[in-house]
Amino acid sequence: MPVFEPYYAVIFTSARTTGDRGYKKMSELMLDLAEKQPGFLSVESAREEIGITVSYWKDLNSIANWKTQTDHLMAQERGIKEWYSWYKVRICRVEREYDFNKME
């Protein structure tokens, strides 16, 4: 059985304002940038009435560095001014995981 190393999840839940105003392009840029950050593991996202994006990180320091990354700070400011009517961020430690995949 493989050894499991705990890691962290940043859960970003949000409601968008109407219109795109560059949101899709910025979202793609932020995903590309996040993937290049030390400690980044992966991301999962879904959007209907509300959006939920969960990014996974090696440790809390990696999350703190991403939070204060210059381009990410600019995107956060635009998000508050233009793209979100509300959002909530939760940071959680993942102690265990398991999955099911019918396709395997």
N, C-alpha and C. Protein backbone atom coordinates (compact mmCIF):
# COMPACT_ATOMS: atom_id res chain seq x y z
N MET A 1 0.84 -1.18 0.00
CA MET A 1 0.00 0.00 0.00
C MET A 1 0.89 1.25 0.00
N PRO A 2 0.65 2.20 -0.94
CA PRO A 2 1.51 3.39 -1.00
C PRO A 2 1.34 4.28 0.23
N VAL A 3 2.41 4.96 0.58
CA VAL A 3 2.37 5.90 1.70
C VAL A 3 1.64 7.17 1.23
N PHE A 4 0.69 7.63 2.03
CA PHE A 4 -0.08 8.82 1.70
C PHE A 4 0.48 10.03 2.45
N GLU A 5 0.83 11.05 1.72
CA GLU A 5 1.29 12.31 2.30
C GLU A 5 0.12 13.29 2.31
N PRO A 6 -0.30 13.78 3.48
CA PRO A 6 -1.37 14.79 3.50
C PRO A 6 -1.00 16.00 2.66
N TYR A 7 -2.00 16.66 2.12
CA TYR A 7 -1.80 17.86 1.31
C TYR A 7 -2.96 18.79 1.60
N TYR A 8 -3.03 19.92 0.91
CA TYR A 8 -4.04 20.93 1.20
C TYR A 8 -4.93 21.22 0.00
N ALA A 9 -6.16 21.56 0.29
CA ALA A 9 -7.12 21.95 -0.74
C ALA A 9 -7.59 23.37 -0.45
N VAL A 10 -7.59 24.20 -1.50
CA VAL A 10 -8.16 25.54 -1.42
C VAL A 10 -9.47 25.48 -2.19
N ILE A 11 -10.58 25.67 -1.49
CA ILE A 11 -11.91 25.61 -2.09
C ILE A 11 -12.41 27.03 -2.30
N PHE A 12 -12.56 27.40 -3.56
CA PHE A 12 -13.01 28.74 -3.93
C PHE A 12 -14.42 28.60 -4.49
N THR A 13 -15.41 29.09 -3.74
CA THR A 13 -16.81 29.04 -4.14
C THR A 13 -17.25 30.46 -4.46
N SER A 14 -17.95 30.64 -5.60
CA SER A 14 -18.28 32.00 -6.01
C SER A 14 -19.56 32.08 -6.82
N ALA A 15 -20.10 33.29 -6.89
CA ALA A 15 -21.19 33.63 -7.81
C ALA A 15 -20.69 34.75 -8.69
N ARG A 16 -20.91 34.61 -9.97
CA ARG A 16 -20.42 35.58 -10.95
C ARG A 16 -21.42 36.71 -11.17
N THR A 17 -20.90 37.85 -11.59
CA THR A 17 -21.73 38.92 -12.11
C THR A 17 -22.05 38.56 -13.56
N THR A 18 -22.93 39.31 -14.21
CA THR A 18 -23.27 39.01 -15.59
C THR A 18 -22.19 39.51 -16.54
N GLY A 19 -22.05 38.84 -17.66
CA GLY A 19 -21.08 39.23 -18.67
C GLY A 19 -19.70 38.66 -18.40
N ASP A 20 -18.91 38.54 -19.45
CA ASP A 20 -17.58 37.94 -19.33
C ASP A 20 -16.51 38.95 -18.95
N ARG A 21 -16.43 40.07 -19.67
CA ARG A 21 -15.46 41.15 -19.41
C ARG A 21 -14.04 40.63 -19.16
N GLY A 22 -13.61 39.64 -19.94
CA GLY A 22 -12.26 39.12 -19.83
C GLY A 22 -12.06 38.01 -18.81
N TYR A 23 -13.16 37.56 -18.19
CA TYR A 23 -13.06 36.54 -17.14
C TYR A 23 -12.49 35.22 -17.66
N LYS A 24 -13.01 34.74 -18.77
CA LYS A 24 -12.57 33.43 -19.29
C LYS A 24 -11.08 33.45 -19.60
N LYS A 25 -10.62 34.49 -20.26
CA LYS A 25 -9.20 34.59 -20.59
C LYS A 25 -8.35 34.64 -19.32
N MET A 26 -8.75 35.44 -18.34
CA MET A 26 -7.99 35.54 -17.09
C MET A 26 -8.00 34.20 -16.35
N SER A 27 -9.13 33.53 -16.36
CA SER A 27 -9.21 32.22 -15.72
C SER A 27 -8.21 31.24 -16.32
N GLU A 28 -8.12 31.23 -17.64
CA GLU A 28 -7.16 30.37 -18.33
C GLU A 28 -5.72 30.75 -17.99
N LEU A 29 -5.44 32.05 -17.94
CA LEU A 29 -4.10 32.52 -17.58
C LEU A 29 -3.73 32.13 -16.15
N MET A 30 -4.70 32.26 -15.22
CA MET A 30 -4.43 31.93 -13.83
C MET A 30 -4.20 30.43 -13.66
N LEU A 31 -4.94 29.61 -14.39
CA LEU A 31 -4.72 28.17 -14.32
C LEU A 31 -3.33 27.83 -14.81
N ASP A 32 -2.93 28.40 -15.93
CA ASP A 32 -1.60 28.16 -16.48
C ASP A 32 -0.52 28.60 -15.49
N LEU A 33 -0.70 29.76 -14.88
CA LEU A 33 0.26 30.28 -13.92
C LEU A 33 0.30 29.42 -12.65
N ALA A 34 -0.86 29.03 -12.14
CA ALA A 34 -0.92 28.20 -10.93
C ALA A 34 -0.17 26.89 -11.13
N GLU A 35 -0.35 26.29 -12.30
CA GLU A 35 0.30 25.01 -12.59
C GLU A 35 1.82 25.12 -12.55
N LYS A 36 2.36 26.31 -12.71
CA LYS A 36 3.81 26.53 -12.71
C LYS A 36 4.35 26.87 -11.31
N GLN A 37 3.46 27.03 -10.34
CA GLN A 37 3.90 27.43 -9.00
C GLN A 37 4.44 26.24 -8.22
N PRO A 38 5.53 26.45 -7.46
CA PRO A 38 6.03 25.39 -6.60
C PRO A 38 4.94 24.94 -5.62
N GLY A 39 4.79 23.65 -5.47
CA GLY A 39 3.82 23.10 -4.54
C GLY A 39 2.45 22.86 -5.12
N PHE A 40 2.17 23.32 -6.35
CA PHE A 40 0.87 23.07 -6.98
C PHE A 40 0.76 21.60 -7.34
N LEU A 41 -0.41 20.99 -7.05
CA LEU A 41 -0.62 19.58 -7.36
C LEU A 41 -1.63 19.38 -8.49
N SER A 42 -2.81 19.99 -8.37
CA SER A 42 -3.84 19.85 -9.41
C SER A 42 -5.00 20.79 -9.11
N VAL A 43 -6.00 20.77 -10.00
CA VAL A 43 -7.18 21.62 -9.83
C VAL A 43 -8.39 20.92 -10.42
N GLU A 44 -9.55 21.17 -9.83
CA GLU A 44 -10.84 20.69 -10.33
C GLU A 44 -11.81 21.86 -10.26
N SER A 45 -12.70 21.97 -11.26
CA SER A 45 -13.59 23.13 -11.29
C SER A 45 -14.92 22.78 -11.93
N ALA A 46 -15.98 23.43 -11.44
CA ALA A 46 -17.32 23.29 -12.02
C ALA A 46 -18.06 24.61 -11.83
N ARG A 47 -18.92 24.95 -12.81
CA ARG A 47 -19.68 26.19 -12.70
C ARG A 47 -21.07 25.98 -13.25
N GLU A 48 -22.05 26.32 -12.45
CA GLU A 48 -23.45 26.44 -12.85
C GLU A 48 -23.92 27.77 -12.28
N GLU A 49 -24.92 27.74 -11.38
CA GLU A 49 -25.34 28.98 -10.72
C GLU A 49 -24.22 29.53 -9.85
N ILE A 50 -23.51 28.62 -9.19
CA ILE A 50 -22.31 29.00 -8.45
C ILE A 50 -21.14 28.22 -9.03
N GLY A 51 -19.95 28.73 -8.82
CA GLY A 51 -18.75 28.04 -9.27
C GLY A 51 -17.99 27.51 -8.08
N ILE A 52 -17.38 26.36 -8.28
CA ILE A 52 -16.53 25.77 -7.25
C ILE A 52 -15.23 25.35 -7.93
N THR A 53 -14.14 25.91 -7.47
CA THR A 53 -12.82 25.52 -7.94
C THR A 53 -12.03 25.06 -6.74
N VAL A 54 -11.49 23.86 -6.83
CA VAL A 54 -10.66 23.32 -5.76
C VAL A 54 -9.26 23.13 -6.32
N SER A 55 -8.32 23.84 -5.74
CA SER A 55 -6.92 23.63 -6.12
C SER A 55 -6.22 22.90 -4.98
N TYR A 56 -5.28 22.05 -5.35
CA TYR A 56 -4.59 21.20 -4.39
C TYR A 56 -3.11 21.59 -4.34
N TRP A 57 -2.60 21.67 -3.11
CA TRP A 57 -1.25 22.18 -2.88
C TRP A 57 -0.50 21.30 -1.89
N LYS A 58 0.81 21.27 -2.04
CA LYS A 58 1.67 20.45 -1.19
C LYS A 58 1.63 20.90 0.27
N ASP A 59 1.61 22.23 0.50
CA ASP A 59 1.68 22.72 1.88
C ASP A 59 1.10 24.14 1.97
N LEU A 60 0.97 24.63 3.19
CA LEU A 60 0.40 25.96 3.42
C LEU A 60 1.29 27.07 2.87
N ASN A 61 2.60 26.88 2.89
CA ASN A 61 3.51 27.88 2.35
C ASN A 61 3.29 28.06 0.85
N SER A 62 3.05 26.98 0.12
CA SER A 62 2.77 27.06 -1.32
C SER A 62 1.50 27.86 -1.57
N ILE A 63 0.49 27.66 -0.74
CA ILE A 63 -0.77 28.39 -0.86
C ILE A 63 -0.55 29.88 -0.59
N ALA A 64 0.21 30.18 0.45
CA ALA A 64 0.50 31.59 0.79
C ALA A 64 1.26 32.28 -0.33
N ASN A 65 2.20 31.58 -0.94
CA ASN A 65 2.96 32.16 -2.05
C ASN A 65 2.05 32.41 -3.25
N TRP A 66 1.14 31.50 -3.54
CA TRP A 66 0.20 31.69 -4.65
C TRP A 66 -0.72 32.87 -4.36
N LYS A 67 -1.20 32.99 -3.15
CA LYS A 67 -2.11 34.08 -2.77
C LYS A 67 -1.47 35.44 -3.03
N THR A 68 -0.16 35.54 -2.85
CA THR A 68 0.51 36.84 -2.98
C THR A 68 1.30 36.98 -4.29
N GLN A 69 1.15 36.05 -5.21
CA GLN A 69 1.83 36.14 -6.51
C GLN A 69 1.28 37.37 -7.25
N THR A 70 2.14 38.17 -7.83
CA THR A 70 1.78 39.47 -8.40
C THR A 70 0.62 39.41 -9.39
N ASP A 71 0.69 38.55 -10.38
CA ASP A 71 -0.38 38.46 -11.39
C ASP A 71 -1.68 37.95 -10.76
N HIS A 72 -1.55 37.05 -9.79
CA HIS A 72 -2.74 36.54 -9.10
C HIS A 72 -3.39 37.65 -8.27
N LEU A 73 -2.59 38.50 -7.65
CA LEU A 73 -3.14 39.64 -6.90
C LEU A 73 -3.95 40.56 -7.82
N MET A 74 -3.45 40.80 -9.03
CA MET A 74 -4.16 41.63 -10.00
C MET A 74 -5.50 40.98 -10.37
N ALA A 75 -5.49 39.67 -10.59
CA ALA A 75 -6.72 38.96 -10.93
C ALA A 75 -7.71 39.01 -9.77
N GLN A 76 -7.22 38.90 -8.54
CA GLN A 76 -8.09 38.98 -7.37
C GLN A 76 -8.79 40.33 -7.31
N GLU A 77 -8.04 41.41 -7.56
CA GLU A 77 -8.61 42.76 -7.54
C GLU A 77 -9.69 42.92 -8.60
N ARG A 78 -9.42 42.43 -9.80
CA ARG A 78 -10.43 42.51 -10.87
C ARG A 78 -11.65 41.67 -10.52
N GLY A 79 -11.41 40.53 -9.89
CA GLY A 79 -12.53 39.68 -9.48
C GLY A 79 -13.48 40.40 -8.55
N ILE A 80 -12.92 41.11 -7.58
CA ILE A 80 -13.74 41.87 -6.62
C ILE A 80 -14.48 43.01 -7.33
N LYS A 81 -13.81 43.70 -8.23
CA LYS A 81 -14.40 44.85 -8.91
C LYS A 81 -15.39 44.47 -10.01
N GLU A 82 -15.12 43.38 -10.74
CA GLU A 82 -15.87 43.10 -11.96
C GLU A 82 -16.59 41.77 -12.03
N TRP A 83 -15.99 40.68 -11.54
CA TRP A 83 -16.46 39.35 -11.92
C TRP A 83 -17.31 38.62 -10.89
N TYR A 84 -17.19 38.95 -9.62
CA TYR A 84 -17.89 38.19 -8.58
C TYR A 84 -18.88 39.05 -7.82
N SER A 85 -20.05 38.49 -7.58
CA SER A 85 -20.99 39.15 -6.66
C SER A 85 -20.69 38.71 -5.23
N TRP A 86 -20.10 37.53 -5.06
CA TRP A 86 -19.58 37.07 -3.77
C TRP A 86 -18.65 35.89 -4.00
N TYR A 87 -17.78 35.66 -3.02
CA TYR A 87 -16.98 34.44 -3.03
C TYR A 87 -16.58 34.08 -1.61
N LYS A 88 -16.18 32.83 -1.44
CA LYS A 88 -15.70 32.33 -0.16
C LYS A 88 -14.53 31.41 -0.44
N VAL A 89 -13.49 31.49 0.39
CA VAL A 89 -12.32 30.64 0.26
C VAL A 89 -12.20 29.81 1.53
N ARG A 90 -12.00 28.53 1.34
CA ARG A 90 -11.77 27.62 2.47
C ARG A 90 -10.47 26.88 2.20
N ILE A 91 -9.66 26.71 3.23
CA ILE A 91 -8.41 25.97 3.10
C ILE A 91 -8.49 24.78 4.06
N CYS A 92 -8.29 23.60 3.50
CA CYS A 92 -8.47 22.36 4.26
C CYS A 92 -7.26 21.44 4.09
N ARG A 93 -6.96 20.70 5.10
CA ARG A 93 -5.92 19.67 5.02
C ARG A 93 -6.58 18.36 4.63
N VAL A 94 -6.05 17.73 3.61
CA VAL A 94 -6.58 16.43 3.15
C VAL A 94 -5.77 15.34 3.84
N GLU A 95 -6.44 14.59 4.69
CA GLU A 95 -5.80 13.54 5.48
C GLU A 95 -5.85 12.17 4.79
N ARG A 96 -6.86 12.00 3.95
CA ARG A 96 -7.06 10.70 3.32
C ARG A 96 -7.82 10.92 2.04
N GLU A 97 -7.64 10.03 1.08
CA GLU A 97 -8.42 10.08 -0.16
C GLU A 97 -8.64 8.66 -0.67
N TYR A 98 -9.70 8.51 -1.43
CA TYR A 98 -9.96 7.28 -2.16
C TYR A 98 -10.84 7.62 -3.33
N ASP A 99 -10.91 6.75 -4.31
CA ASP A 99 -11.72 7.04 -5.49
C ASP A 99 -12.32 5.79 -6.09
N PHE A 100 -13.16 6.00 -7.06
CA PHE A 100 -13.81 4.95 -7.84
C PHE A 100 -13.77 5.40 -9.28
N ASN A 101 -13.44 4.49 -10.19
CA ASN A 101 -13.43 4.82 -11.60
C ASN A 101 -13.89 3.60 -12.39
N LYS A 102 -15.12 3.65 -12.87
CA LYS A 102 -15.69 2.55 -13.62
C LYS A 102 -14.94 2.28 -14.92
N MET A 103 -14.25 3.31 -15.43
CA MET A 103 -13.56 3.20 -16.72
C MET A 103 -12.25 2.40 -16.63
N GLU A 104 -11.73 2.20 -15.45
CA GLU A 104 -10.44 1.49 -15.32
C GLU A 104 -10.64 0.00 -15.38
